[in-house]
Structure formats: structure tokens, C-alpha cells
ModelCIF file with pLDDT and N, C-alpha, C, O atoms, coordinates in Angstrom:
data_MODEL
#
_entry.id   MODEL 
#
_entity.id                         1 
_entity.type                       polymer 
_entity.pdbx_number_of_molecules   1 
#
_entity_poly.entity_id                      1 
_entity_poly.type                           'polypeptide(L)' 
_entity_poly.nstd_linkage                   no 
_entity_poly.nstd_monomer                   no 
_entity_poly.pdbx_seq_one_letter_code       
;(UNK)(UNK)(UNK)(UNK)(UNK)(UNK)(UNK)(UNK)(UNK)(UNK)(UNK)(UNK)(UNK)(UNK)(UNK)(UNK)
(UNK)(UNK)(UNK)(UNK)(UNK)(UNK)(UNK)(UNK)(UNK)(UNK)(UNK)(UNK)(UNK)(UNK)(UNK)(UNK)
(UNK)(UNK)(UNK)(UNK)(UNK)(UNK)(UNK)(UNK)(UNK)(UNK)(UNK)(UNK)(UNK)(UNK)
;
_entity_poly.pdbx_seq_one_letter_code_can   XXXXXXXXXXXXXXXXXXXXXXXXXXXXXXXXXXXXXXXXXXXXXX 
_entity_poly.pdbx_strand_id                 A 
#
loop_
_entity_poly_seq.entity_id 
_entity_poly_seq.num 
_entity_poly_seq.mon_id 
_entity_poly_seq.hetero 
1 1  UNK n 
1 2  UNK n 
1 3  UNK n 
1 4  UNK n 
1 5  UNK n 
1 6  UNK n 
1 7  UNK n 
1 8  UNK n 
1 9  UNK n 
1 10 UNK n 
1 11 UNK n 
1 12 UNK n 
1 13 UNK n 
1 14 UNK n 
1 15 UNK n 
1 16 UNK n 
1 17 UNK n 
1 18 UNK n 
1 19 UNK n 
1 20 UNK n 
1 21 UNK n 
1 22 UNK n 
1 23 UNK n 
1 24 UNK n 
1 25 UNK n 
1 26 UNK n 
1 27 UNK n 
1 28 UNK n 
1 29 UNK n 
1 30 UNK n 
1 31 UNK n 
1 32 UNK n 
1 33 UNK n 
1 34 UNK n 
1 35 UNK n 
1 36 UNK n 
1 37 UNK n 
1 38 UNK n 
1 39 UNK n 
1 40 UNK n 
1 41 UNK n 
1 42 UNK n 
1 43 UNK n 
1 44 UNK n 
1 45 UNK n 
1 46 UNK n 
#
_struct_asym.id          A 
_struct_asym.entity_id   1 
#
loop_
_ma_qa_metric.id 
_ma_qa_metric.mode 
_ma_qa_metric.name 
_ma_qa_metric.software_group_id 
_ma_qa_metric.type 
1 global pLDDT . pLDDT 
2 local  pLDDT . pLDDT 
#
_ma_qa_metric_global.metric_id      1 
_ma_qa_metric_global.metric_value   69.91 
_ma_qa_metric_global.model_id       1 
_ma_qa_metric_global.ordinal_id     1 
#
loop_
_ma_qa_metric_local.label_asym_id 
_ma_qa_metric_local.label_comp_id 
_ma_qa_metric_local.label_seq_id 
_ma_qa_metric_local.metric_id 
_ma_qa_metric_local.metric_value 
_ma_qa_metric_local.model_id 
_ma_qa_metric_local.ordinal_id 
A UNK 1  2 48.00 1 1  
A UNK 2  2 44.00 1 2  
A UNK 3  2 45.00 1 3  
A UNK 4  2 49.00 1 4  
A UNK 5  2 50.00 1 5  
A UNK 6  2 42.00 1 6  
A UNK 7  2 45.00 1 7  
A UNK 8  2 48.00 1 8  
A UNK 9  2 48.00 1 9  
A UNK 10 2 47.00 1 10 
A UNK 11 2 47.00 1 11 
A UNK 12 2 44.00 1 12 
A UNK 13 2 45.00 1 13 
A UNK 14 2 46.00 1 14 
A UNK 15 2 42.00 1 15 
A UNK 16 2 45.00 1 16 
A UNK 17 2 51.00 1 17 
A UNK 18 2 53.00 1 18 
A UNK 19 2 63.00 1 19 
A UNK 20 2 65.00 1 20 
A UNK 21 2 73.00 1 21 
A UNK 22 2 73.00 1 22 
A UNK 23 2 81.00 1 23 
A UNK 24 2 86.00 1 24 
A UNK 25 2 86.00 1 25 
A UNK 26 2 91.00 1 26 
A UNK 27 2 88.00 1 27 
A UNK 28 2 85.00 1 28 
A UNK 29 2 84.00 1 29 
A UNK 30 2 82.00 1 30 
A UNK 31 2 82.00 1 31 
A UNK 32 2 88.00 1 32 
A UNK 33 2 92.00 1 33 
A UNK 34 2 94.00 1 34 
A UNK 35 2 93.00 1 35 
A UNK 36 2 93.00 1 36 
A UNK 37 2 89.00 1 37 
A UNK 38 2 90.00 1 38 
A UNK 39 2 87.00 1 39 
A UNK 40 2 85.00 1 40 
A UNK 41 2 81.00 1 41 
A UNK 42 2 80.00 1 42 
A UNK 43 2 88.00 1 43 
A UNK 44 2 90.00 1 44 
A UNK 45 2 93.00 1 45 
A UNK 46 2 95.00 1 46 
#
loop_
_atom_site.group_PDB 
_atom_site.id 
_atom_site.type_symbol 
_atom_site.label_atom_id 
_atom_site.label_alt_id 
_atom_site.label_comp_id 
_atom_site.label_asym_id 
_atom_site.label_entity_id 
_atom_site.label_seq_id 
_atom_site.pdbx_PDB_ins_code 
_atom_site.Cartn_x 
_atom_site.Cartn_y 
_atom_site.Cartn_z 
_atom_site.occupancy 
_atom_site.B_iso_or_equiv 
_atom_site.pdbx_formal_charge 
_atom_site.auth_seq_id 
_atom_site.auth_comp_id 
_atom_site.auth_asym_id 
_atom_site.auth_atom_id 
_atom_site.pdbx_PDB_model_num 
ATOM 1   N N  . UNK A 1 1  ? 67.407 83.251 -130.491 1.00 48.00 ? 1  UNK A N  1 
ATOM 2   C CA . UNK A 1 1  ? 66.890 82.677 -129.248 1.00 48.00 ? 1  UNK A CA 1 
ATOM 3   C C  . UNK A 1 1  ? 65.405 82.355 -129.349 1.00 48.00 ? 1  UNK A C  1 
ATOM 4   O O  . UNK A 1 1  ? 64.955 81.327 -128.844 1.00 48.00 ? 1  UNK A O  1 
ATOM 5   N N  . UNK A 1 2  ? 64.642 83.230 -130.001 1.00 44.00 ? 2  UNK A N  1 
ATOM 6   C CA . UNK A 1 2  ? 63.199 82.973 -130.159 1.00 44.00 ? 2  UNK A CA 1 
ATOM 7   C C  . UNK A 1 2  ? 62.961 81.743 -131.021 1.00 44.00 ? 2  UNK A C  1 
ATOM 8   O O  . UNK A 1 2  ? 62.136 80.894 -130.682 1.00 44.00 ? 2  UNK A O  1 
ATOM 9   N N  . UNK A 1 3  ? 63.684 81.644 -132.141 1.00 45.00 ? 3  UNK A N  1 
ATOM 10  C CA . UNK A 1 3  ? 63.542 80.482 -133.019 1.00 45.00 ? 3  UNK A CA 1 
ATOM 11  C C  . UNK A 1 3  ? 63.975 79.217 -132.294 1.00 45.00 ? 3  UNK A C  1 
ATOM 12  O O  . UNK A 1 3  ? 63.326 78.176 -132.395 1.00 45.00 ? 3  UNK A O  1 
ATOM 13  N N  . UNK A 1 4  ? 65.088 79.319 -131.556 1.00 49.00 ? 4  UNK A N  1 
ATOM 14  C CA . UNK A 1 4  ? 65.588 78.166 -130.816 1.00 49.00 ? 4  UNK A CA 1 
ATOM 15  C C  . UNK A 1 4  ? 64.592 77.732 -129.759 1.00 49.00 ? 4  UNK A C  1 
ATOM 16  O O  . UNK A 1 4  ? 64.433 76.536 -129.512 1.00 49.00 ? 4  UNK A O  1 
ATOM 17  N N  . UNK A 1 5  ? 63.917 78.689 -129.129 1.00 50.00 ? 5  UNK A N  1 
ATOM 18  C CA . UNK A 1 5  ? 62.925 78.365 -128.115 1.00 50.00 ? 5  UNK A CA 1 
ATOM 19  C C  . UNK A 1 5  ? 61.829 77.473 -128.695 1.00 50.00 ? 5  UNK A C  1 
ATOM 20  O O  . UNK A 1 5  ? 61.352 76.557 -128.025 1.00 50.00 ? 5  UNK A O  1 
ATOM 21  N N  . UNK A 1 6  ? 61.430 77.739 -129.937 1.00 42.00 ? 6  UNK A N  1 
ATOM 22  C CA . UNK A 1 6  ? 60.430 76.888 -130.583 1.00 42.00 ? 6  UNK A CA 1 
ATOM 23  C C  . UNK A 1 6  ? 60.945 75.470 -130.713 1.00 42.00 ? 6  UNK A C  1 
ATOM 24  O O  . UNK A 1 6  ? 60.221 74.512 -130.443 1.00 42.00 ? 6  UNK A O  1 
ATOM 25  N N  . UNK A 1 7  ? 62.197 75.334 -131.128 1.00 45.00 ? 7  UNK A N  1 
ATOM 26  C CA . UNK A 1 7  ? 62.776 74.005 -131.269 1.00 45.00 ? 7  UNK A CA 1 
ATOM 27  C C  . UNK A 1 7  ? 62.946 73.325 -129.919 1.00 45.00 ? 7  UNK A C  1 
ATOM 28  O O  . UNK A 1 7  ? 62.666 72.135 -129.778 1.00 45.00 ? 7  UNK A O  1 
ATOM 29  N N  . UNK A 1 8  ? 63.409 74.088 -128.921 1.00 48.00 ? 8  UNK A N  1 
ATOM 30  C CA . UNK A 1 8  ? 63.662 73.505 -127.607 1.00 48.00 ? 8  UNK A CA 1 
ATOM 31  C C  . UNK A 1 8  ? 62.381 73.082 -126.930 1.00 48.00 ? 8  UNK A C  1 
ATOM 32  O O  . UNK A 1 8  ? 62.374 72.091 -126.200 1.00 48.00 ? 8  UNK A O  1 
ATOM 33  N N  . UNK A 1 9  ? 61.320 73.786 -127.142 1.00 48.00 ? 9  UNK A N  1 
ATOM 34  C CA . UNK A 1 9  ? 60.097 73.495 -126.414 1.00 48.00 ? 9  UNK A CA 1 
ATOM 35  C C  . UNK A 1 9  ? 59.345 72.302 -126.994 1.00 48.00 ? 9  UNK A C  1 
ATOM 36  O O  . UNK A 1 9  ? 58.487 71.740 -126.313 1.00 48.00 ? 9  UNK A O  1 
ATOM 37  N N  . UNK A 1 10 ? 59.637 71.901 -128.221 1.00 47.00 ? 10 UNK A N  1 
ATOM 38  C CA . UNK A 1 10 ? 58.888 70.806 -128.821 1.00 47.00 ? 10 UNK A CA 1 
ATOM 39  C C  . UNK A 1 10 ? 58.944 69.528 -127.992 1.00 47.00 ? 10 UNK A C  1 
ATOM 40  O O  . UNK A 1 10 ? 57.887 68.983 -127.674 1.00 47.00 ? 10 UNK A O  1 
ATOM 41  N N  . UNK A 1 11 ? 60.122 69.020 -127.625 1.00 47.00 ? 11 UNK A N  1 
ATOM 42  C CA . UNK A 1 11 ? 60.123 67.800 -126.821 1.00 47.00 ? 11 UNK A CA 1 
ATOM 43  C C  . UNK A 1 11 ? 59.452 67.998 -125.465 1.00 47.00 ? 11 UNK A C  1 
ATOM 44  O O  . UNK A 1 11 ? 58.751 67.103 -124.993 1.00 47.00 ? 11 UNK A O  1 
ATOM 45  N N  . UNK A 1 12 ? 59.650 69.140 -124.837 1.00 44.00 ? 12 UNK A N  1 
ATOM 46  C CA . UNK A 1 12 ? 59.040 69.380 -123.532 1.00 44.00 ? 12 UNK A CA 1 
ATOM 47  C C  . UNK A 1 12 ? 57.520 69.423 -123.637 1.00 44.00 ? 12 UNK A C  1 
ATOM 48  O O  . UNK A 1 12 ? 56.822 68.928 -122.752 1.00 44.00 ? 12 UNK A O  1 
ATOM 49  N N  . UNK A 1 13 ? 57.003 70.014 -124.719 1.00 45.00 ? 13 UNK A N  1 
ATOM 50  C CA . UNK A 1 13 ? 55.554 70.078 -124.887 1.00 45.00 ? 13 UNK A CA 1 
ATOM 51  C C  . UNK A 1 13 ? 54.966 68.692 -125.096 1.00 45.00 ? 13 UNK A C  1 
ATOM 52  O O  . UNK A 1 13 ? 53.905 68.385 -124.553 1.00 45.00 ? 13 UNK A O  1 
ATOM 53  N N  . UNK A 1 14 ? 55.648 67.834 -125.887 1.00 46.00 ? 14 UNK A N  1 
ATOM 54  C CA . UNK A 1 14 ? 55.121 66.495 -126.103 1.00 46.00 ? 14 UNK A CA 1 
ATOM 55  C C  . UNK A 1 14 ? 55.150 65.690 -124.814 1.00 46.00 ? 14 UNK A C  1 
ATOM 56  O O  . UNK A 1 14 ? 54.319 64.805 -124.610 1.00 46.00 ? 14 UNK A O  1 
ATOM 57  N N  . UNK A 1 15 ? 56.114 66.000 -123.936 1.00 42.00 ? 15 UNK A N  1 
ATOM 58  C CA . UNK A 1 15 ? 56.211 65.300 -122.666 1.00 42.00 ? 15 UNK A CA 1 
ATOM 59  C C  . UNK A 1 15 ? 55.218 65.841 -121.646 1.00 42.00 ? 15 UNK A C  1 
ATOM 60  O O  . UNK A 1 15 ? 54.904 65.162 -120.669 1.00 42.00 ? 15 UNK A O  1 
ATOM 61  N N  . UNK A 1 16 ? 54.725 67.049 -121.861 1.00 45.00 ? 16 UNK A N  1 
ATOM 62  C CA . UNK A 1 16 ? 53.856 67.697 -120.883 1.00 45.00 ? 16 UNK A CA 1 
ATOM 63  C C  . UNK A 1 16 ? 52.542 66.947 -120.677 1.00 45.00 ? 16 UNK A C  1 
ATOM 64  O O  . UNK A 1 16 ? 51.844 67.178 -119.689 1.00 45.00 ? 16 UNK A O  1 
ATOM 65  N N  . UNK A 1 17 ? 52.203 66.056 -121.599 1.00 51.00 ? 17 UNK A N  1 
ATOM 66  C CA . UNK A 1 17 ? 50.984 65.269 -121.465 1.00 51.00 ? 17 UNK A CA 1 
ATOM 67  C C  . UNK A 1 17 ? 51.018 64.464 -120.170 1.00 51.00 ? 17 UNK A C  1 
ATOM 68  O O  . UNK A 1 17 ? 50.000 64.328 -119.491 1.00 51.00 ? 17 UNK A O  1 
ATOM 69  N N  . UNK A 1 18 ? 52.194 63.931 -119.829 1.00 53.00 ? 18 UNK A N  1 
ATOM 70  C CA . UNK A 1 18 ? 52.357 63.142 -118.618 1.00 53.00 ? 18 UNK A CA 1 
ATOM 71  C C  . UNK A 1 18 ? 52.528 64.015 -117.377 1.00 53.00 ? 18 UNK A C  1 
ATOM 72  O O  . UNK A 1 18 ? 52.366 63.533 -116.256 1.00 53.00 ? 18 UNK A O  1 
ATOM 73  N N  . UNK A 1 19 ? 52.850 65.273 -117.563 1.00 63.00 ? 19 UNK A N  1 
ATOM 74  C CA . UNK A 1 19 ? 53.142 66.156 -116.445 1.00 63.00 ? 19 UNK A CA 1 
ATOM 75  C C  . UNK A 1 19 ? 54.586 66.005 -116.017 1.00 63.00 ? 19 UNK A C  1 
ATOM 76  O O  . UNK A 1 19 ? 55.217 64.986 -116.296 1.00 63.00 ? 19 UNK A O  1 
ATOM 77  N N  . UNK A 1 20 ? 55.107 67.003 -115.349 1.00 65.00 ? 20 UNK A N  1 
ATOM 78  C CA . UNK A 1 20 ? 56.519 66.953 -114.981 1.00 65.00 ? 20 UNK A CA 1 
ATOM 79  C C  . UNK A 1 20 ? 56.807 65.953 -113.867 1.00 65.00 ? 20 UNK A C  1 
ATOM 80  O O  . UNK A 1 20 ? 56.049 65.831 -112.905 1.00 65.00 ? 20 UNK A O  1 
ATOM 81  N N  . UNK A 1 21 ? 57.915 65.246 -114.022 1.00 73.00 ? 21 UNK A N  1 
ATOM 82  C CA . UNK A 1 21 ? 58.416 64.376 -112.966 1.00 73.00 ? 21 UNK A CA 1 
ATOM 83  C C  . UNK A 1 21 ? 59.240 65.219 -112.002 1.00 73.00 ? 21 UNK A C  1 
ATOM 84  O O  . UNK A 1 21 ? 59.224 65.006 -110.790 1.00 73.00 ? 21 UNK A O  1 
ATOM 85  N N  . UNK A 1 22 ? 59.962 66.183 -112.574 1.00 73.00 ? 22 UNK A N  1 
ATOM 86  C CA . UNK A 1 22 ? 60.819 67.054 -111.778 1.00 73.00 ? 22 UNK A CA 1 
ATOM 87  C C  . UNK A 1 22 ? 60.914 68.393 -112.501 1.00 73.00 ? 22 UNK A C  1 
ATOM 88  O O  . UNK A 1 22 ? 61.070 68.432 -113.722 1.00 73.00 ? 22 UNK A O  1 
ATOM 89  N N  . UNK A 1 23 ? 60.821 69.481 -111.758 1.00 81.00 ? 23 UNK A N  1 
ATOM 90  C CA . UNK A 1 23 ? 60.840 70.808 -112.386 1.00 81.00 ? 23 UNK A CA 1 
ATOM 91  C C  . UNK A 1 23 ? 61.453 71.815 -111.414 1.00 81.00 ? 23 UNK A C  1 
ATOM 92  O O  . UNK A 1 23 ? 61.076 71.856 -110.243 1.00 81.00 ? 23 UNK A O  1 
ATOM 93  N N  . UNK A 1 24 ? 62.399 72.628 -111.899 1.00 86.00 ? 24 UNK A N  1 
ATOM 94  C CA . UNK A 1 24 ? 63.053 73.656 -111.095 1.00 86.00 ? 24 UNK A CA 1 
ATOM 95  C C  . UNK A 1 24 ? 63.175 74.915 -111.941 1.00 86.00 ? 24 UNK A C  1 
ATOM 96  O O  . UNK A 1 24 ? 63.472 74.831 -113.133 1.00 86.00 ? 24 UNK A O  1 
ATOM 97  N N  . UNK A 1 25 ? 62.953 76.060 -111.352 1.00 86.00 ? 25 UNK A N  1 
ATOM 98  C CA . UNK A 1 25 ? 63.220 77.336 -112.017 1.00 86.00 ? 25 UNK A CA 1 
ATOM 99  C C  . UNK A 1 25 ? 63.771 78.303 -110.983 1.00 86.00 ? 25 UNK A C  1 
ATOM 100 O O  . UNK A 1 25 ? 63.213 78.452 -109.895 1.00 86.00 ? 25 UNK A O  1 
ATOM 101 N N  . UNK A 1 26 ? 64.867 78.957 -111.332 1.00 91.00 ? 26 UNK A N  1 
ATOM 102 C CA . UNK A 1 26 ? 65.456 79.942 -110.434 1.00 91.00 ? 26 UNK A CA 1 
ATOM 103 C C  . UNK A 1 26 ? 65.939 81.117 -111.265 1.00 91.00 ? 26 UNK A C  1 
ATOM 104 O O  . UNK A 1 26 ? 66.594 80.929 -112.290 1.00 91.00 ? 26 UNK A O  1 
ATOM 105 N N  . UNK A 1 27 ? 65.616 82.342 -110.825 1.00 88.00 ? 27 UNK A N  1 
ATOM 106 C CA . UNK A 1 27 ? 66.083 83.542 -111.513 1.00 88.00 ? 27 UNK A CA 1 
ATOM 107 C C  . UNK A 1 27 ? 66.754 84.462 -110.505 1.00 88.00 ? 27 UNK A C  1 
ATOM 108 O O  . UNK A 1 27 ? 66.230 84.709 -109.419 1.00 88.00 ? 27 UNK A O  1 
ATOM 109 N N  . UNK A 1 28 ? 67.933 84.968 -110.891 1.00 85.00 ? 28 UNK A N  1 
ATOM 110 C CA . UNK A 1 28 ? 68.690 85.875 -110.039 1.00 85.00 ? 28 UNK A CA 1 
ATOM 111 C C  . UNK A 1 28 ? 68.267 87.320 -110.306 1.00 85.00 ? 28 UNK A C  1 
ATOM 112 O O  . UNK A 1 28 ? 67.620 87.604 -111.314 1.00 85.00 ? 28 UNK A O  1 
ATOM 113 N N  . UNK A 1 29 ? 68.625 88.215 -109.417 1.00 84.00 ? 29 UNK A N  1 
ATOM 114 C CA . UNK A 1 29 ? 68.273 89.628 -109.568 1.00 84.00 ? 29 UNK A CA 1 
ATOM 115 C C  . UNK A 1 29 ? 68.908 90.262 -110.807 1.00 84.00 ? 29 UNK A C  1 
ATOM 116 O O  . UNK A 1 29 ? 68.340 91.196 -111.374 1.00 84.00 ? 29 UNK A O  1 
ATOM 117 N N  . UNK A 1 30 ? 70.068 89.775 -111.234 1.00 82.00 ? 30 UNK A N  1 
ATOM 118 C CA . UNK A 1 30 ? 70.724 90.352 -112.411 1.00 82.00 ? 30 UNK A CA 1 
ATOM 119 C C  . UNK A 1 30 ? 70.134 89.853 -113.734 1.00 82.00 ? 30 UNK A C  1 
ATOM 120 O O  . UNK A 1 30 ? 70.561 90.284 -114.804 1.00 82.00 ? 30 UNK A O  1 
ATOM 121 N N  . UNK A 1 31 ? 69.145 88.938 -113.662 1.00 82.00 ? 31 UNK A N  1 
ATOM 122 C CA . UNK A 1 31 ? 68.519 88.408 -114.870 1.00 82.00 ? 31 UNK A CA 1 
ATOM 123 C C  . UNK A 1 31 ? 69.017 87.029 -115.256 1.00 82.00 ? 31 UNK A C  1 
ATOM 124 O O  . UNK A 1 31 ? 68.416 86.384 -116.115 1.00 82.00 ? 31 UNK A O  1 
ATOM 125 N N  . UNK A 1 32 ? 70.097 86.556 -114.649 1.00 88.00 ? 32 UNK A N  1 
ATOM 126 C CA . UNK A 1 32 ? 70.577 85.204 -114.906 1.00 88.00 ? 32 UNK A CA 1 
ATOM 127 C C  . UNK A 1 32 ? 69.516 84.213 -114.423 1.00 88.00 ? 32 UNK A C  1 
ATOM 128 O O  . UNK A 1 32 ? 68.750 84.514 -113.508 1.00 88.00 ? 32 UNK A O  1 
ATOM 129 N N  . UNK A 1 33 ? 69.476 83.027 -115.045 1.00 92.00 ? 33 UNK A N  1 
ATOM 130 C CA . UNK A 1 33 ? 68.441 82.060 -114.677 1.00 92.00 ? 33 UNK A CA 1 
ATOM 131 C C  . UNK A 1 33 ? 68.925 80.634 -114.882 1.00 92.00 ? 33 UNK A C  1 
ATOM 132 O O  . UNK A 1 33 ? 69.947 80.389 -115.524 1.00 92.00 ? 33 UNK A O  1 
ATOM 133 N N  . UNK A 1 34 ? 68.166 79.701 -114.321 1.00 94.00 ? 34 UNK A N  1 
ATOM 134 C CA . UNK A 1 34 ? 68.392 78.275 -114.497 1.00 94.00 ? 34 UNK A CA 1 
ATOM 135 C C  . UNK A 1 34 ? 67.033 77.594 -114.460 1.00 94.00 ? 34 UNK A C  1 
ATOM 136 O O  . UNK A 1 34 ? 66.189 77.935 -113.632 1.00 94.00 ? 34 UNK A O  1 
ATOM 137 N N  . UNK A 1 35 ? 66.818 76.630 -115.353 1.00 93.00 ? 35 UNK A N  1 
ATOM 138 C CA . UNK A 1 35 ? 65.628 75.796 -115.209 1.00 93.00 ? 35 UNK A CA 1 
ATOM 139 C C  . UNK A 1 35 ? 65.922 74.373 -115.635 1.00 93.00 ? 35 UNK A C  1 
ATOM 140 O O  . UNK A 1 35 ? 66.824 74.109 -116.430 1.00 93.00 ? 35 UNK A O  1 
ATOM 141 N N  . UNK A 1 36 ? 65.142 73.471 -115.086 1.00 93.00 ? 36 UNK A N  1 
ATOM 142 C CA . UNK A 1 36 ? 65.261 72.050 -115.369 1.00 93.00 ? 36 UNK A CA 1 
ATOM 143 C C  . UNK A 1 36 ? 63.855 71.476 -115.451 1.00 93.00 ? 36 UNK A C  1 
ATOM 144 O O  . UNK A 1 36 ? 62.978 71.837 -114.667 1.00 93.00 ? 36 UNK A O  1 
ATOM 145 N N  . UNK A 1 37 ? 63.651 70.580 -116.405 1.00 89.00 ? 37 UNK A N  1 
ATOM 146 C CA . UNK A 1 37 ? 62.360 69.923 -116.568 1.00 89.00 ? 37 UNK A CA 1 
ATOM 147 C C  . UNK A 1 37 ? 62.628 68.471 -116.942 1.00 89.00 ? 37 UNK A C  1 
ATOM 148 O O  . UNK A 1 37 ? 63.406 68.192 -117.854 1.00 89.00 ? 37 UNK A O  1 
ATOM 149 N N  . UNK A 1 38 ? 61.990 67.564 -116.246 1.00 90.00 ? 38 UNK A N  1 
ATOM 150 C CA . UNK A 1 38 ? 62.114 66.143 -116.559 1.00 90.00 ? 38 UNK A CA 1 
ATOM 151 C C  . UNK A 1 38 ? 60.730 65.522 -116.518 1.00 90.00 ? 38 UNK A C  1 
ATOM 152 O O  . UNK A 1 38 ? 59.978 65.744 -115.569 1.00 90.00 ? 38 UNK A O  1 
ATOM 153 N N  . UNK A 1 39 ? 60.388 64.749 -117.536 1.00 87.00 ? 39 UNK A N  1 
ATOM 154 C CA . UNK A 1 39 ? 59.063 64.129 -117.563 1.00 87.00 ? 39 UNK A CA 1 
ATOM 155 C C  . UNK A 1 39 ? 59.169 62.626 -117.292 1.00 87.00 ? 39 UNK A C  1 
ATOM 156 O O  . UNK A 1 39 ? 60.254 62.057 -117.409 1.00 87.00 ? 39 UNK A O  1 
ATOM 157 N N  . UNK A 1 40 ? 58.083 61.993 -116.939 1.00 85.00 ? 40 UNK A N  1 
ATOM 158 C CA . UNK A 1 40 ? 58.088 60.553 -116.675 1.00 85.00 ? 40 UNK A CA 1 
ATOM 159 C C  . UNK A 1 40 ? 58.506 59.710 -117.881 1.00 85.00 ? 40 UNK A C  1 
ATOM 160 O O  . UNK A 1 40 ? 59.014 58.602 -117.709 1.00 85.00 ? 40 UNK A O  1 
ATOM 161 N N  . UNK A 1 41 ? 58.300 60.222 -119.102 1.00 81.00 ? 41 UNK A N  1 
ATOM 162 C CA . UNK A 1 41 ? 58.650 59.431 -120.285 1.00 81.00 ? 41 UNK A CA 1 
ATOM 163 C C  . UNK A 1 41 ? 60.120 59.564 -120.680 1.00 81.00 ? 41 UNK A C  1 
ATOM 164 O O  . UNK A 1 41 ? 60.527 59.028 -121.711 1.00 81.00 ? 41 UNK A O  1 
ATOM 165 N N  . UNK A 1 42 ? 60.929 60.272 -119.875 1.00 80.00 ? 42 UNK A N  1 
ATOM 166 C CA . UNK A 1 42 ? 62.355 60.367 -120.149 1.00 80.00 ? 42 UNK A CA 1 
ATOM 167 C C  . UNK A 1 42 ? 62.790 61.641 -120.831 1.00 80.00 ? 42 UNK A C  1 
ATOM 168 O O  . UNK A 1 42 ? 63.991 61.888 -120.945 1.00 80.00 ? 42 UNK A O  1 
ATOM 169 N N  . UNK A 1 43 ? 61.854 62.466 -121.294 1.00 88.00 ? 43 UNK A N  1 
ATOM 170 C CA . UNK A 1 43 ? 62.228 63.750 -121.891 1.00 88.00 ? 43 UNK A CA 1 
ATOM 171 C C  . UNK A 1 43 ? 62.834 64.627 -120.810 1.00 88.00 ? 43 UNK A C  1 
ATOM 172 O O  . UNK A 1 43 ? 62.418 64.587 -119.652 1.00 88.00 ? 43 UNK A O  1 
ATOM 173 N N  . UNK A 1 44 ? 63.810 65.410 -121.199 1.00 90.00 ? 44 UNK A N  1 
ATOM 174 C CA . UNK A 1 44 ? 64.569 66.180 -120.225 1.00 90.00 ? 44 UNK A CA 1 
ATOM 175 C C  . UNK A 1 44 ? 65.019 67.483 -120.863 1.00 90.00 ? 44 UNK A C  1 
ATOM 176 O O  . UNK A 1 44 ? 65.352 67.506 -122.048 1.00 90.00 ? 44 UNK A O  1 
ATOM 177 N N  . UNK A 1 45 ? 65.035 68.549 -120.112 1.00 93.00 ? 45 UNK A N  1 
ATOM 178 C CA . UNK A 1 45 ? 65.531 69.829 -120.610 1.00 93.00 ? 45 UNK A CA 1 
ATOM 179 C C  . UNK A 1 45 ? 66.122 70.623 -119.456 1.00 93.00 ? 45 UNK A C  1 
ATOM 180 O O  . UNK A 1 45 ? 65.532 70.704 -118.379 1.00 93.00 ? 45 UNK A O  1 
ATOM 181 N N  . UNK A 1 46 ? 67.281 71.203 -119.689 1.00 95.00 ? 46 UNK A N  1 
ATOM 182 C CA . UNK A 1 46 ? 67.965 72.003 -118.682 1.00 95.00 ? 46 UNK A CA 1 
ATOM 183 C C  . UNK A 1 46 ? 68.624 73.183 -119.398 1.00 95.00 ? 46 UNK A C  1 
ATOM 184 O O  . UNK A 1 46 ? 69.269 74.013 -118.756 1.00 95.00 ? 46 UNK A O  1 
#
């Protein structure tokens, strides 16, 4: 998961220059979570 996080964050970091177009983060009490990030240049992560 840590190694994958490095890979997953690369596109989001390059898109962060423009700032997020849409961003959501939700965490439940049991530790479950959901997040979404979309940038103006079309990069997307969920």
C-alpha cells in the first residue's frame, strides 16, 4: 500500500499545480474511507 501510494499520488501531484476542480474526503468511525480528487486538466483519482 505504501509503494502503491507513491505511484497513485504521482498523477495527482502533477495536477495539483492547477489546484483541485473537485475534492471529497469522508472517513467512517470504523476506519473505512472514501476520497475523490479531480483537477482542471482532467487528472482524476478516486
